[in-house]
Amino acid sequence: MAAPPPRKKRKPAAKSTRDGRQREAASFIAEHLIDLARVARRYKLDLLGFVLDMGVMEARKMARLQGKRARKT
């Protein structure tokens, strides 16, 4: 059996581009988690709703931190 080909290394994105996209991604995730948490609560899936709410808080926190980093540079 032949060995798999070596993996190509990705170049990191430019810092300014990466920060903006990470903030957008975190905001996008938060908005969708809000909808999912509502669905979970509607169907009495309390623990799942709680976990999704925690995800919303974390995603918003990440978006806020990325925004602060972007303003510093």
N, C-alpha and C. Protein backbone atom coordinates (compact mmCIF):
# COMPACT_ATOMS: atom_id res chain seq x y z
N MET A 1 0.85 -1.17 0.00
CA MET A 1 0.00 0.00 0.00
C MET A 1 0.89 1.24 0.00
N ALA A 2 0.61 2.17 -0.89
CA ALA A 2 1.43 3.38 -1.02
C ALA A 2 1.07 4.39 0.06
N ALA A 3 2.07 5.17 0.44
CA ALA A 3 1.84 6.22 1.43
C ALA A 3 1.03 7.35 0.81
N PRO A 4 0.17 8.02 1.60
CA PRO A 4 -0.61 9.13 1.05
C PRO A 4 0.31 10.29 0.69
N PRO A 5 -0.09 11.10 -0.28
CA PRO A 5 0.75 12.24 -0.67
C PRO A 5 0.82 13.25 0.47
N PRO A 6 1.93 13.99 0.55
CA PRO A 6 2.05 14.97 1.64
C PRO A 6 1.00 16.08 1.48
N ARG A 7 0.54 16.59 2.60
CA ARG A 7 -0.47 17.66 2.58
C ARG A 7 0.19 19.00 2.27
N LYS A 8 -0.53 19.80 1.53
CA LYS A 8 -0.05 21.15 1.25
C LYS A 8 -0.38 22.04 2.43
N LYS A 9 0.55 22.90 2.79
CA LYS A 9 0.31 23.83 3.89
C LYS A 9 -0.40 25.06 3.34
N ARG A 10 -1.41 25.51 4.07
CA ARG A 10 -2.13 26.71 3.68
C ARG A 10 -1.39 27.94 4.15
N LYS A 11 -1.43 28.98 3.35
CA LYS A 11 -0.88 30.25 3.78
C LYS A 11 -1.91 30.94 4.67
N PRO A 12 -1.49 31.54 5.77
CA PRO A 12 -2.45 32.25 6.60
C PRO A 12 -2.99 33.47 5.87
N ALA A 13 -4.25 33.80 6.12
CA ALA A 13 -4.86 34.98 5.50
C ALA A 13 -4.22 36.23 6.06
N ALA A 14 -4.32 37.30 5.32
CA ALA A 14 -3.81 38.58 5.81
C ALA A 14 -4.54 38.93 7.09
N LYS A 15 -3.86 39.56 8.03
CA LYS A 15 -4.43 39.81 9.34
C LYS A 15 -5.72 40.63 9.26
N SER A 16 -5.74 41.70 8.51
CA SER A 16 -6.93 42.55 8.46
C SER A 16 -8.12 41.80 7.85
N THR A 17 -7.87 41.00 6.84
CA THR A 17 -8.94 40.23 6.22
C THR A 17 -9.46 39.18 7.18
N ARG A 18 -8.56 38.49 7.84
CA ARG A 18 -8.95 37.42 8.77
C ARG A 18 -9.80 37.98 9.90
N ASP A 19 -9.40 39.10 10.49
CA ASP A 19 -10.15 39.67 11.61
C ASP A 19 -11.56 40.05 11.22
N GLY A 20 -11.71 40.69 10.07
CA GLY A 20 -13.04 41.09 9.62
C GLY A 20 -13.92 39.90 9.34
N ARG A 21 -13.36 38.89 8.74
CA ARG A 21 -14.15 37.70 8.41
C ARG A 21 -14.51 36.92 9.66
N GLN A 22 -13.61 36.87 10.62
CA GLN A 22 -13.92 36.17 11.87
C GLN A 22 -15.06 36.86 12.60
N ARG A 23 -15.06 38.19 12.60
CA ARG A 23 -16.13 38.93 13.26
C ARG A 23 -17.46 38.67 12.56
N GLU A 24 -17.45 38.72 11.23
CA GLU A 24 -18.66 38.45 10.47
C GLU A 24 -19.17 37.03 10.72
N ALA A 25 -18.25 36.09 10.75
CA ALA A 25 -18.64 34.69 10.97
C ALA A 25 -19.24 34.51 12.36
N ALA A 26 -18.64 35.11 13.36
CA ALA A 26 -19.15 34.99 14.72
C ALA A 26 -20.54 35.61 14.84
N SER A 27 -20.76 36.75 14.20
CA SER A 27 -22.08 37.40 14.21
C SER A 27 -23.11 36.54 13.50
N PHE A 28 -22.73 35.97 12.37
CA PHE A 28 -23.60 35.10 11.60
C PHE A 28 -24.01 33.88 12.44
N ILE A 29 -23.05 33.27 13.09
CA ILE A 29 -23.32 32.10 13.93
C ILE A 29 -24.25 32.47 15.08
N ALA A 30 -24.01 33.60 15.72
CA ALA A 30 -24.86 34.03 16.83
C ALA A 30 -26.31 34.19 16.39
N GLU A 31 -26.52 34.83 15.24
CA GLU A 31 -27.89 35.04 14.76
C GLU A 31 -28.60 33.71 14.49
N HIS A 32 -27.90 32.77 13.92
CA HIS A 32 -28.53 31.48 13.64
C HIS A 32 -28.74 30.66 14.91
N LEU A 33 -27.85 30.78 15.86
CA LEU A 33 -28.04 30.07 17.12
C LEU A 33 -29.26 30.60 17.87
N ILE A 34 -29.52 31.89 17.74
CA ILE A 34 -30.71 32.47 18.38
C ILE A 34 -31.96 31.77 17.84
N ASP A 35 -32.04 31.63 16.53
CA ASP A 35 -33.19 30.96 15.92
C ASP A 35 -33.30 29.51 16.38
N LEU A 36 -32.17 28.82 16.41
CA LEU A 36 -32.19 27.42 16.84
C LEU A 36 -32.60 27.28 18.31
N ALA A 37 -32.16 28.21 19.15
CA ALA A 37 -32.53 28.17 20.56
C ALA A 37 -34.04 28.37 20.71
N ARG A 38 -34.62 29.26 19.90
CA ARG A 38 -36.07 29.46 19.94
C ARG A 38 -36.82 28.17 19.57
N VAL A 39 -36.34 27.50 18.55
CA VAL A 39 -36.96 26.24 18.14
C VAL A 39 -36.86 25.22 19.27
N ALA A 40 -35.70 25.13 19.89
CA ALA A 40 -35.51 24.17 20.98
C ALA A 40 -36.48 24.46 22.12
N ARG A 41 -36.61 25.73 22.49
CA ARG A 41 -37.52 26.07 23.59
C ARG A 41 -38.98 25.82 23.21
N ARG A 42 -39.34 26.08 21.96
CA ARG A 42 -40.71 25.86 21.51
C ARG A 42 -41.11 24.39 21.68
N TYR A 43 -40.15 23.48 21.48
CA TYR A 43 -40.43 22.06 21.58
C TYR A 43 -39.99 21.47 22.92
N LYS A 44 -39.84 22.34 23.89
CA LYS A 44 -39.54 21.92 25.28
C LYS A 44 -38.21 21.16 25.40
N LEU A 45 -37.25 21.51 24.56
CA LEU A 45 -35.91 20.93 24.65
C LEU A 45 -35.03 21.91 25.44
N ASP A 46 -35.33 21.96 26.75
CA ASP A 46 -34.74 22.99 27.60
C ASP A 46 -33.22 22.96 27.66
N LEU A 47 -32.66 21.78 27.84
CA LEU A 47 -31.21 21.69 27.93
C LEU A 47 -30.55 22.12 26.62
N LEU A 48 -31.10 21.68 25.52
CA LEU A 48 -30.56 22.08 24.22
C LEU A 48 -30.69 23.59 24.02
N GLY A 49 -31.81 24.16 24.41
CA GLY A 49 -31.98 25.61 24.33
C GLY A 49 -30.94 26.34 25.16
N PHE A 50 -30.67 25.81 26.35
CA PHE A 50 -29.65 26.41 27.21
C PHE A 50 -28.27 26.37 26.55
N VAL A 51 -27.91 25.22 26.00
CA VAL A 51 -26.60 25.07 25.36
C VAL A 51 -26.49 26.02 24.16
N LEU A 52 -27.55 26.13 23.39
CA LEU A 52 -27.54 27.05 22.25
C LEU A 52 -27.42 28.50 22.71
N ASP A 53 -28.09 28.85 23.81
CA ASP A 53 -27.96 30.21 24.36
C ASP A 53 -26.52 30.49 24.78
N MET A 54 -25.87 29.49 25.34
CA MET A 54 -24.46 29.66 25.71
C MET A 54 -23.61 29.88 24.46
N GLY A 55 -23.95 29.17 23.38
CA GLY A 55 -23.25 29.38 22.11
C GLY A 55 -23.44 30.79 21.58
N VAL A 56 -24.65 31.33 21.74
CA VAL A 56 -24.92 32.72 21.33
C VAL A 56 -24.03 33.68 22.11
N MET A 57 -23.96 33.47 23.41
CA MET A 57 -23.13 34.35 24.24
C MET A 57 -21.67 34.28 23.81
N GLU A 58 -21.18 33.09 23.55
CA GLU A 58 -19.79 32.92 23.15
C GLU A 58 -19.53 33.55 21.77
N ALA A 59 -20.44 33.34 20.83
CA ALA A 59 -20.26 33.91 19.50
C ALA A 59 -20.27 35.44 19.55
N ARG A 60 -21.17 36.01 20.34
CA ARG A 60 -21.21 37.48 20.48
C ARG A 60 -19.92 38.00 21.12
N LYS A 61 -19.43 37.27 22.10
CA LYS A 61 -18.18 37.66 22.75
C LYS A 61 -17.03 37.65 21.75
N MET A 62 -16.98 36.61 20.93
CA MET A 62 -15.91 36.53 19.93
C MET A 62 -16.02 37.66 18.91
N ALA A 63 -17.24 37.98 18.49
CA ALA A 63 -17.45 39.08 17.54
C ALA A 63 -16.99 40.39 18.16
N ARG A 64 -17.33 40.60 19.42
CA ARG A 64 -16.93 41.83 20.12
C ARG A 64 -15.41 41.93 20.22
N LEU A 65 -14.76 40.82 20.58
CA LEU A 65 -13.30 40.83 20.70
C LEU A 65 -12.63 41.08 19.36
N GLN A 66 -13.16 40.49 18.30
CA GLN A 66 -12.60 40.71 16.98
C GLN A 66 -12.76 42.16 16.56
N GLY A 67 -13.89 42.77 16.92
CA GLY A 67 -14.10 44.18 16.61
C GLY A 67 -13.10 45.06 17.33
N LYS A 68 -12.80 44.74 18.58
CA LYS A 68 -11.80 45.52 19.33
C LYS A 68 -10.41 45.38 18.72
N ARG A 69 -10.08 44.17 18.31
CA ARG A 69 -8.76 43.94 17.68
C ARG A 69 -8.64 44.69 16.37
N ALA A 70 -9.73 44.72 15.61
CA ALA A 70 -9.71 45.40 14.31
C ALA A 70 -9.53 46.90 14.50
N ARG A 71 -10.12 47.47 15.55
CA ARG A 71 -9.98 48.91 15.80
C ARG A 71 -8.59 49.29 16.27
N LYS A 72 -7.90 48.37 16.95
CA LYS A 72 -6.55 48.66 17.44
C LYS A 72 -5.55 48.82 16.31
N THR A 73 -5.74 48.08 15.22
CA THR A 73 -4.77 48.13 14.12
C THR A 73 -5.09 49.17 13.13
